[in-house]
Amino acid sequence: MANRFDTFARGLTASFFNNTSCVIMYMSADESNTALIVIGNSITEGRLQMVLRKRGWNAKVVKDGDKAVDEFVALRPDLVFIAVDIPTLDGHVAALEMRESDSKARVVFVASRGRMDLAEDAAYSAGAVGVLMTPFTDSSIEEAWSQWMGKIPEAPGLTDLDALYPTLEDPTPELPTLPPLPGMPPIPEMPTPPPETVELPPPVVPEPVTQVNLRKPRRKLRWIIRLTFLLIVAGGAMGGAHYAGLLDIHTLIGQFQELI
């Protein structure tokens, strides 16, 4: 009886340790796996992080397509959950860049029911391993998990990757070439107007200046001086004669008044 119990105990212990080692190996393998999440919806991102955490996966969340490509190159995640309509860079183009950088990239497109057609087209072009419709449950992820971890399809959209980039408007657009202008008719020569004759006013002839004879006033002045001198001399002589008693001036003046 004791031998049977020992045998059963040994078998149970060995089975326990074997199963425990398997669980430990499974958990250590999953803990090294990383998922990149680029959805742009905080509720969906949080729900997906919680599901991945239950599986022992690490998750990195980014908000736009450009950062998603940069993080993919830096982290090399084992699985990428990406939406089509994300900022800065379309999710379809971002997934193609990831596939171009690493042909073993596993991409899962996440979309609502109304955008499933667009997500399926992008998944086919980028060679995604699947499409996850929101809202999702733990069971829907469990059912699709084996497919996501399976064979990676080809990405036919890589051949047209350059054509998918948005074309930037040229700040200086090229102007269209204008057709040559038709030949212009020759400009007729304008007649030269005859020179205008300007009538000048007749020249003003200055009036002749009459020369004043300055000799006549000099002669008159001389006669006036002489006459005045004679009168003075005569007056002086009469005064002297009157003083000497030879002539009576009063009588002479009376006679002169009688004559007048």
C-alpha atoms as a PDB file:
ATOM      1  CA  MET A   1       0.000   0.000   0.000  1.00  0.00           C
ATOM      2  CA  ALA A   2       2.802   2.347   0.923  1.00  0.00           C
ATOM      3  CA  ASN A   3       4.590   1.571  -2.316  1.00  0.00           C
ATOM      4  CA  ARG A   4       1.491   2.413  -4.352  1.00  0.00           C
ATOM      5  CA  PHE A   5       1.099   5.738  -2.515  1.00  0.00           C
ATOM      6  CA  ASP A   6       4.764   6.615  -3.081  1.00  0.00           C
ATOM      7  CA  THR A   7       4.451   5.778  -6.748  1.00  0.00           C
ATOM      8  CA  PHE A   8       1.308   7.946  -7.091  1.00  0.00           C
ATOM      9  CA  ALA A   9       2.921  10.834  -5.235  1.00  0.00           C
ATOM     10  CA  ARG A  10       6.036  10.718  -7.387  1.00  0.00           C
ATOM     11  CA  GLY A  11       3.962  10.669 -10.561  1.00  0.00           C
ATOM     12  CA  LEU A  12       1.811  13.574  -9.374  1.00  0.00           C
ATOM     13  CA  THR A  13       4.870  15.606  -8.412  1.00  0.00           C
ATOM     14  CA  ALA A  14       6.564  14.970 -11.739  1.00  0.00           C
ATOM     15  CA  SER A  15       3.408  15.876 -13.608  1.00  0.00           C
ATOM     16  CA  PHE A  16       3.047  19.077 -11.570  1.00  0.00           C
ATOM     17  CA  PHE A  17       6.595  20.202 -12.245  1.00  0.00           C
ATOM     18  CA  ASN A  18       6.343  19.361 -15.938  1.00  0.00           C
ATOM     19  CA  ASN A  19       3.156  21.372 -16.339  1.00  0.00           C
ATOM     20  CA  THR A  20       4.555  24.203 -14.240  1.00  0.00           C
ATOM     21  CA  SER A  21       7.657  24.399 -16.399  1.00  0.00           C
ATOM     22  CA  CYS A  22       5.483  24.537 -19.485  1.00  0.00           C
ATOM     23  CA  VAL A  23       3.483  27.412 -18.022  1.00  0.00           C
ATOM     24  CA  ILE A  24       6.632  29.259 -17.015  1.00  0.00           C
ATOM     25  CA  MET A  25       8.145  28.775 -20.463  1.00  0.00           C
ATOM     26  CA  TYR A  26       4.940  30.009 -22.106  1.00  0.00           C
ATOM     27  CA  MET A  27       4.752  33.087 -19.904  1.00  0.00           C
ATOM     28  CA  SER A  28       8.420  33.976 -20.353  1.00  0.00           C
ATOM     29  CA  ALA A  29       8.058  33.721 -24.120  1.00  0.00           C
ATOM     30  CA  ASP A  30       4.955  35.939 -24.193  1.00  0.00           C
ATOM     31  CA  GLU A  31       6.402  38.508 -21.820  1.00  0.00           C
ATOM     32  CA  SER A  32       9.077  39.362 -24.371  1.00  0.00           C
ATOM     33  CA  ASN A  33       6.455  40.113 -27.044  1.00  0.00           C
ATOM     34  CA  THR A  34       5.511  43.712 -27.791  1.00  0.00           C
ATOM     35  CA  ALA A  35       2.525  45.129 -29.648  1.00  0.00           C
ATOM     36  CA  LEU A  36       2.329  48.588 -31.242  1.00  0.00           C
ATOM     37  CA  ILE A  37      -1.116  50.245 -31.112  1.00  0.00           C
ATOM     38  CA  VAL A  38      -1.993  53.106 -33.480  1.00  0.00           C
ATOM     39  CA  ILE A  39      -5.769  53.567 -33.428  1.00  0.00           C
ATOM     40  CA  GLY A  40      -6.486  57.131 -32.296  1.00  0.00           C
ATOM     41  CA  ASN A  41      -9.330  56.104 -29.963  1.00  0.00           C
ATOM     42  CA  SER A  42      -8.419  56.059 -26.278  1.00  0.00           C
ATOM     43  CA  ILE A  43     -11.248  53.657 -25.321  1.00  0.00           C
ATOM     44  CA  THR A  44     -10.325  51.101 -27.969  1.00  0.00           C
ATOM     45  CA  GLU A  45      -6.622  51.493 -27.166  1.00  0.00           C
ATOM     46  CA  GLY A  46      -7.220  50.928 -23.452  1.00  0.00           C
ATOM     47  CA  ARG A  47      -9.413  47.894 -24.100  1.00  0.00           C
ATOM     48  CA  LEU A  48      -6.803  46.379 -26.419  1.00  0.00           C
ATOM     49  CA  GLN A  49      -4.015  47.036 -23.920  1.00  0.00           C
ATOM     50  CA  MET A  50      -5.972  45.189 -21.240  1.00  0.00           C
ATOM     51  CA  VAL A  51      -6.513  42.147 -23.476  1.00  0.00           C
ATOM     52  CA  LEU A  52      -2.842  42.040 -24.446  1.00  0.00           C
ATOM     53  CA  ARG A  53      -1.763  42.424 -20.834  1.00  0.00           C
ATOM     54  CA  LYS A  54      -3.746  39.302 -19.958  1.00  0.00           C
ATOM     55  CA  ARG A  55      -1.650  37.449 -22.508  1.00  0.00           C
ATOM     56  CA  GLY A  56       1.528  38.841 -20.974  1.00  0.00           C
ATOM     57  CA  TRP A  57       2.272  41.217 -23.866  1.00  0.00           C
ATOM     58  CA  ASN A  58       3.675  44.702 -23.609  1.00  0.00           C
ATOM     59  CA  ALA A  59       1.919  47.461 -25.571  1.00  0.00           C
ATOM     60  CA  LYS A  60       3.164  50.792 -26.924  1.00  0.00           C
ATOM     61  CA  VAL A  61       0.567  53.402 -27.965  1.00  0.00           C
ATOM     62  CA  VAL A  62       1.281  56.193 -30.458  1.00  0.00           C
ATOM     63  CA  LYS A  63      -1.117  58.747 -31.879  1.00  0.00           C
ATOM     64  CA  ASP A  64      -0.176  59.313 -35.539  1.00  0.00           C
ATOM     65  CA  GLY A  65       1.192  57.528 -38.562  1.00  0.00           C
ATOM     66  CA  ASP A  66       4.618  59.171 -38.709  1.00  0.00           C
ATOM     67  CA  LYS A  67       5.416  58.285 -35.096  1.00  0.00           C
ATOM     68  CA  ALA A  68       4.059  54.773 -35.675  1.00  0.00           C
ATOM     69  CA  VAL A  69       6.621  54.145 -38.424  1.00  0.00           C
ATOM     70  CA  ASP A  70       9.422  55.566 -36.278  1.00  0.00           C
ATOM     71  CA  GLU A  71       8.418  53.419 -33.276  1.00  0.00           C
ATOM     72  CA  PHE A  72       8.149  50.350 -35.465  1.00  0.00           C
ATOM     73  CA  VAL A  73      11.690  50.813 -36.744  1.00  0.00           C
ATOM     74  CA  ALA A  74      12.967  51.390 -33.203  1.00  0.00           C
ATOM     75  CA  LEU A  75      11.014  48.649 -31.349  1.00  0.00           C
ATOM     76  CA  ARG A  76      10.472  46.003 -34.029  1.00  0.00           C
ATOM     77  CA  PRO A  77       7.181  44.913 -32.376  1.00  0.00           C
ATOM     78  CA  ASP A  78       5.742  41.435 -32.895  1.00  0.00           C
ATOM     79  CA  LEU A  79       2.264  42.745 -33.750  1.00  0.00           C
ATOM     80  CA  VAL A  80       0.857  46.077 -34.923  1.00  0.00           C
ATOM     81  CA  PHE A  81      -2.748  47.192 -34.450  1.00  0.00           C
ATOM     82  CA  ILE A  82      -3.429  50.172 -36.710  1.00  0.00           C
ATOM     83  CA  ALA A  83      -6.440  52.122 -37.968  1.00  0.00           C
ATOM     84  CA  VAL A  84      -6.793  53.523 -41.467  1.00  0.00           C
ATOM     85  CA  ASP A  85      -7.825  57.063 -40.511  1.00  0.00           C
ATOM     86  CA  ILE A  86      -4.998  58.305 -38.272  1.00  0.00           C
ATOM     87  CA  PRO A  87      -3.331  61.733 -38.256  1.00  0.00           C
ATOM     88  CA  THR A  88      -0.270  62.873 -40.264  1.00  0.00           C
ATOM     89  CA  LEU A  89       0.069  59.674 -42.303  1.00  0.00           C
ATOM     90  CA  ASP A  90      -2.621  57.351 -43.612  1.00  0.00           C
ATOM     91  CA  GLY A  91      -2.710  53.992 -41.814  1.00  0.00           C
ATOM     92  CA  HIS A  92      -2.564  52.166 -45.150  1.00  0.00           C
ATOM     93  CA  VAL A  93       0.635  53.983 -46.158  1.00  0.00           C
ATOM     94  CA  ALA A  94       2.129  53.570 -42.660  1.00  0.00           C
ATOM     95  CA  ALA A  95       1.495  49.795 -42.779  1.00  0.00           C
ATOM     96  CA  LEU A  96       3.164  49.589 -46.195  1.00  0.00           C
ATOM     97  CA  GLU A  97       6.215  51.437 -44.868  1.00  0.00           C
ATOM     98  CA  MET A  98       6.400  48.936 -41.999  1.00  0.00           C
ATOM     99  CA  ARG A  99       6.235  46.040 -44.449  1.00  0.00           C
ATOM    100  CA  GLU A 100       8.891  47.697 -46.600  1.00  0.00           C
ATOM    101  CA  SER A 101      11.114  48.076 -43.535  1.00  0.00           C
ATOM    102  CA  ASP A 102      10.458  44.507 -42.331  1.00  0.00           C
ATOM    103  CA  SER A 103       8.840  41.868 -44.534  1.00  0.00           C
ATOM    104  CA  LYS A 104       7.905  39.890 -41.402  1.00  0.00           C
ATOM    105  CA  ALA A 105       5.828  42.691 -39.883  1.00  0.00           C
ATOM    106  CA  ARG A 106       2.456  41.464 -38.620  1.00  0.00           C
ATOM    107  CA  VAL A 107      -0.209  44.114 -39.089  1.00  0.00           C
ATOM    108  CA  VAL A 108      -3.842  43.986 -37.948  1.00  0.00           C
ATOM    109  CA  PHE A 109      -6.174  46.737 -39.156  1.00  0.00           C
ATOM    110  CA  VAL A 110      -8.751  47.946 -36.642  1.00  0.00           C
ATOM    111  CA  ALA A 111     -11.979  49.520 -37.929  1.00  0.00           C
ATOM    112  CA  SER A 112     -15.614  50.041 -37.069  1.00  0.00           C
ATOM    113  CA  ARG A 113     -18.376  48.243 -38.934  1.00  0.00           C
ATOM    114  CA  GLY A 114     -18.952  51.196 -41.269  1.00  0.00           C
ATOM    115  CA  ARG A 115     -15.296  51.280 -42.348  1.00  0.00           C
ATOM    116  CA  MET A 116     -14.681  47.579 -42.706  1.00  0.00           C
ATOM    117  CA  ASP A 117     -14.581  47.709 -46.522  1.00  0.00           C
ATOM    118  CA  LEU A 118     -11.836  50.343 -46.443  1.00  0.00           C
ATOM    119  CA  ALA A 119      -9.906  48.393 -43.800  1.00  0.00           C
ATOM    120  CA  GLU A 120     -10.155  45.124 -45.759  1.00  0.00           C
ATOM    121  CA  ASP A 121      -8.841  46.817 -48.920  1.00  0.00           C
ATOM    122  CA  ALA A 122      -5.928  48.276 -46.969  1.00  0.00           C
ATOM    123  CA  ALA A 123      -5.277  44.898 -45.315  1.00  0.00           C
ATOM    124  CA  TYR A 124      -5.056  43.193 -48.701  1.00  0.00           C
ATOM    125  CA  SER A 125      -2.742  45.878 -50.113  1.00  0.00           C
ATOM    126  CA  ALA A 126      -0.411  45.900 -47.083  1.00  0.00           C
ATOM    127  CA  GLY A 127      -0.448  42.104 -46.599  1.00  0.00           C
ATOM    128  CA  ALA A 128      -2.014  42.364 -43.120  1.00  0.00           C
ATOM    129  CA  VAL A 129      -2.615  39.196 -41.082  1.00  0.00           C
ATOM    130  CA  GLY A 130      -6.160  40.216 -40.230  1.00  0.00           C
ATOM    131  CA  VAL A 131      -8.845  42.844 -39.599  1.00  0.00           C
ATOM    132  CA  LEU A 132     -10.357  43.479 -36.149  1.00  0.00           C
ATOM    133  CA  MET A 133     -13.815  45.043 -36.036  1.00  0.00           C
ATOM    134  CA  THR A 134     -14.746  47.292 -33.101  1.00  0.00           C
ATOM    135  CA  PRO A 135     -16.231  46.898 -30.595  1.00  0.00           C
ATOM    136  CA  PHE A 136     -14.435  43.605 -29.950  1.00  0.00           C
ATOM    137  CA  THR A 137     -14.473  41.040 -27.140  1.00  0.00           C
ATOM    138  CA  ASP A 138     -11.909  38.715 -25.622  1.00  0.00           C
ATOM    139  CA  SER A 139     -13.456  35.786 -27.483  1.00  0.00           C
ATOM    140  CA  SER A 140     -13.203  37.535 -30.880  1.00  0.00           C
ATOM    141  CA  ILE A 141      -9.496  38.150 -30.312  1.00  0.00           C
ATOM    142  CA  GLU A 142      -9.038  34.561 -29.115  1.00  0.00           C
ATOM    143  CA  GLU A 143     -10.646  33.235 -32.295  1.00  0.00           C
ATOM    144  CA  ALA A 144      -8.472  35.382 -34.566  1.00  0.00           C
ATOM    145  CA  TRP A 145      -5.240  34.999 -32.603  1.00  0.00           C
ATOM    146  CA  SER A 146      -4.053  31.862 -34.349  1.00  0.00           C
ATOM    147  CA  GLN A 147      -4.602  33.518 -37.745  1.00  0.00           C
ATOM    148  CA  TRP A 148      -2.660  36.604 -36.668  1.00  0.00           C
ATOM    149  CA  MET A 149       0.253  34.430 -35.561  1.00  0.00           C
ATOM    150  CA  GLY A 150       0.161  32.370 -38.770  1.00  0.00           C
ATOM    151  CA  LYS A 151       1.560  32.935 -42.238  1.00  0.00           C
ATOM    152  CA  ILE A 152       2.156  36.553 -43.315  1.00  0.00           C
ATOM    153  CA  PRO A 153       0.571  37.348 -46.718  1.00  0.00           C
ATOM    154  CA  GLU A 154       2.324  39.186 -49.502  1.00  0.00           C
ATOM    155  CA  ALA A 155       1.897  42.965 -49.764  1.00  0.00           C
ATOM    156  CA  PRO A 156       0.949  43.832 -53.375  1.00  0.00           C
ATOM    157  CA  GLY A 157       0.638  47.510 -52.473  1.00  0.00           C
ATOM    158  CA  LEU A 158       4.408  47.870 -52.073  1.00  0.00           C
ATOM    159  CA  THR A 159       4.782  48.213 -55.838  1.00  0.00           C
ATOM    160  CA  ASP A 160       2.575  51.332 -55.783  1.00  0.00           C
ATOM    161  CA  LEU A 161       3.829  52.791 -52.504  1.00  0.00           C
ATOM    162  CA  ASP A 162       5.177  55.995 -54.040  1.00  0.00           C
ATOM    163  CA  ALA A 163       1.861  56.674 -55.761  1.00  0.00           C
ATOM    164  CA  LEU A 164      -0.009  56.481 -52.430  1.00  0.00           C
ATOM    165  CA  TYR A 165       1.860  59.392 -50.849  1.00  0.00           C
ATOM    166  CA  PRO A 166      -0.112  62.659 -50.791  1.00  0.00           C
ATOM    167  CA  THR A 167       1.170  65.065 -53.382  1.00  0.00           C
ATOM    168  CA  LEU A 168       2.313  68.348 -51.927  1.00  0.00           C
ATOM    169  CA  GLU A 169       1.275  71.483 -53.738  1.00  0.00           C
ATOM    170  CA  ASP A 170       4.139  73.290 -55.360  1.00  0.00           C
ATOM    171  CA  PRO A 171       4.368  76.749 -53.750  1.00  0.00           C
ATOM    172  CA  THR A 172       5.366  78.138 -57.156  1.00  0.00           C
ATOM    173  CA  PRO A 173       3.165  76.370 -59.709  1.00  0.00           C
ATOM    174  CA  GLU A 174       4.432  76.319 -63.228  1.00  0.00           C
ATOM    175  CA  LEU A 175       2.499  78.662 -65.448  1.00  0.00           C
ATOM    176  CA  PRO A 176       1.003  77.221 -68.631  1.00  0.00           C
ATOM    177  CA  THR A 177       2.808  78.021 -71.849  1.00  0.00           C
ATOM    178  CA  LEU A 178       0.881  80.637 -73.768  1.00  0.00           C
ATOM    179  CA  PRO A 179       0.575  80.387 -77.550  1.00  0.00           C
ATOM    180  CA  PRO A 180       2.595  82.925 -79.526  1.00  0.00           C
ATOM    181  CA  LEU A 181       0.837  86.166 -80.226  1.00  0.00           C
ATOM    182  CA  PRO A 182      -0.258  86.780 -83.829  1.00  0.00           C
ATOM    183  CA  GLY A 183       1.751  89.245 -85.845  1.00  0.00           C
ATOM    184  CA  MET A 184       0.804  92.795 -85.096  1.00  0.00           C
ATOM    185  CA  PRO A 185       0.022  95.101 -88.069  1.00  0.00           C
ATOM    186  CA  PRO A 186       2.584  97.838 -88.657  1.00  0.00           C
ATOM    187  CA  ILE A 187       1.842 101.061 -86.926  1.00  0.00           C
ATOM    188  CA  PRO A 188       1.013 103.749 -89.511  1.00  0.00           C
ATOM    189  CA  GLU A 189       3.273 106.730 -89.539  1.00  0.00           C
ATOM    190  CA  MET A 190       1.708 109.789 -88.069  1.00  0.00           C
ATOM    191  CA  PRO A 191       1.830 112.901 -90.299  1.00  0.00           C
ATOM    192  CA  THR A 192       4.259 115.483 -89.090  1.00  0.00           C
ATOM    193  CA  PRO A 193       2.370 118.687 -88.321  1.00  0.00           C
ATOM    194  CA  PRO A 194       3.740 121.834 -89.986  1.00  0.00           C
ATOM    195  CA  PRO A 195       5.692 124.069 -87.697  1.00  0.00           C
ATOM    196  CA  GLU A 196       3.557 126.714 -86.126  1.00  0.00           C
ATOM    197  CA  THR A 197       4.478 130.286 -86.974  1.00  0.00           C
ATOM    198  CA  VAL A 198       4.481 132.389 -83.908  1.00  0.00           C
ATOM    199  CA  GLU A 199       3.809 136.059 -84.551  1.00  0.00           C
ATOM    200  CA  LEU A 200       6.097 138.132 -82.469  1.00  0.00           C
ATOM    201  CA  PRO A 201       4.925 141.550 -81.332  1.00  0.00           C
ATOM    202  CA  PRO A 202       6.514 144.484 -83.145  1.00  0.00           C
ATOM    203  CA  PRO A 203       9.617 145.733 -81.477  1.00  0.00           C
ATOM    204  CA  VAL A 204       9.142 148.701 -79.246  1.00  0.00           C
ATOM    205  CA  VAL A 205      11.145 151.616 -80.591  1.00  0.00           C
ATOM    206  CA  PRO A 206      12.190 153.904 -77.777  1.00  0.00           C
ATOM    207  CA  GLU A 207      11.284 157.518 -78.235  1.00  0.00           C
ATOM    208  CA  PRO A 208      14.243 159.743 -79.026  1.00  0.00           C
ATOM    209  CA  VAL A 209      15.492 161.653 -76.096  1.00  0.00           C
ATOM    210  CA  THR A 210      15.634 165.333 -76.771  1.00  0.00           C
ATOM    211  CA  GLN A 211      18.900 166.751 -75.745  1.00  0.00           C
ATOM    212  CA  VAL A 212      18.540 169.637 -73.413  1.00  0.00           C
ATOM    213  CA  ASN A 213      20.646 172.571 -74.220  1.00  0.00           C
ATOM    214  CA  LEU A 214      22.342 173.369 -70.984  1.00  0.00           C
ATOM    215  CA  ARG A 215      24.000 176.479 -72.291  1.00  0.00           C
ATOM    216  CA  LYS A 216      20.848 178.684 -72.233  1.00  0.00           C
ATOM    217  CA  PRO A 217      20.175 178.315 -68.516  1.00  0.00           C
ATOM    218  CA  ARG A 218      23.785 179.155 -67.899  1.00  0.00           C
ATOM    219  CA  ARG A 219      23.424 182.332 -69.925  1.00  0.00           C
ATOM    220  CA  LYS A 220      20.263 183.360 -68.093  1.00  0.00           C
ATOM    221  CA  LEU A 221      21.951 182.681 -64.814  1.00  0.00           C
ATOM    222  CA  ARG A 222      24.823 184.869 -65.819  1.00  0.00           C
ATOM    223  CA  TRP A 223      22.470 187.743 -66.736  1.00  0.00           C
ATOM    224  CA  ILE A 224      20.606 187.379 -63.482  1.00  0.00           C
ATOM    225  CA  ILE A 225      23.845 187.525 -61.545  1.00  0.00           C
ATOM    226  CA  ARG A 226      24.958 190.562 -63.490  1.00  0.00           C
ATOM    227  CA  LEU A 227      21.650 192.351 -63.036  1.00  0.00           C
ATOM    228  CA  THR A 228      21.637 191.618 -59.337  1.00  0.00           C
ATOM    229  CA  PHE A 229      25.156 192.900 -59.052  1.00  0.00           C
ATOM    230  CA  LEU A 230      24.223 196.091 -60.862  1.00  0.00           C
ATOM    231  CA  LEU A 231      21.244 196.612 -58.619  1.00  0.00           C
ATOM    232  CA  ILE A 232      23.385 196.153 -55.565  1.00  0.00           C
ATOM    233  CA  VAL A 233      25.963 198.526 -56.912  1.00  0.00           C
ATOM    234  CA  ALA A 234      23.300 201.083 -57.849  1.00  0.00           C
ATOM    235  CA  GLY A 235      21.617 200.727 -54.491  1.00  0.00           C
ATOM    236  CA  GLY A 236      24.923 201.160 -52.763  1.00  0.00           C
ATOM    237  CA  ALA A 237      25.719 204.231 -54.821  1.00  0.00           C
ATOM    238  CA  MET A 238      22.338 205.770 -54.100  1.00  0.00           C
ATOM    239  CA  GLY A 239      22.752 205.015 -50.445  1.00  0.00           C
ATOM    240  CA  GLY A 240      26.159 206.615 -50.450  1.00  0.00           C
ATOM    241  CA  ALA A 241      24.862 209.674 -52.311  1.00  0.00           C
ATOM    242  CA  HIS A 242      21.955 209.983 -49.870  1.00  0.00           C
ATOM    243  CA  TYR A 243      24.344 209.688 -46.942  1.00  0.00           C
ATOM    244  CA  ALA A 244      26.607 212.321 -48.479  1.00  0.00           C
ATOM    245  CA  GLY A 245      23.706 214.700 -49.085  1.00  0.00           C
ATOM    246  CA  LEU A 246      24.005 214.548 -52.749  1.00  0.00           C
ATOM    247  CA  LEU A 247      20.705 212.723 -53.281  1.00  0.00           C
ATOM    248  CA  ASP A 248      17.426 212.610 -51.425  1.00  0.00           C
ATOM    249  CA  ILE A 249      16.105 209.073 -51.574  1.00  0.00           C
ATOM    250  CA  HIS A 250      12.720 209.973 -50.152  1.00  0.00           C
ATOM    251  CA  THR A 251      12.161 212.488 -52.902  1.00  0.00           C
ATOM    252  CA  LEU A 252      13.277 209.968 -55.479  1.00  0.00           C
ATOM    253  CA  ILE A 253      10.868 207.337 -54.172  1.00  0.00           C
ATOM    254  CA  GLY A 254       7.966 209.809 -54.220  1.00  0.00           C
ATOM    255  CA  GLN A 255       8.685 210.679 -57.825  1.00  0.00           C
ATOM    256  CA  PHE A 256       8.863 207.030 -58.714  1.00  0.00           C
ATOM    257  CA  GLN A 257       5.464 206.396 -57.125  1.00  0.00           C
ATOM    258  CA  GLU A 258       3.959 209.288 -59.078  1.00  0.00           C
ATOM    259  CA  LEU A 259       5.189 207.707 -62.279  1.00  0.00           C
ATOM    260  CA  ILE A 260       3.559 204.391 -61.441  1.00  0.00           C
END
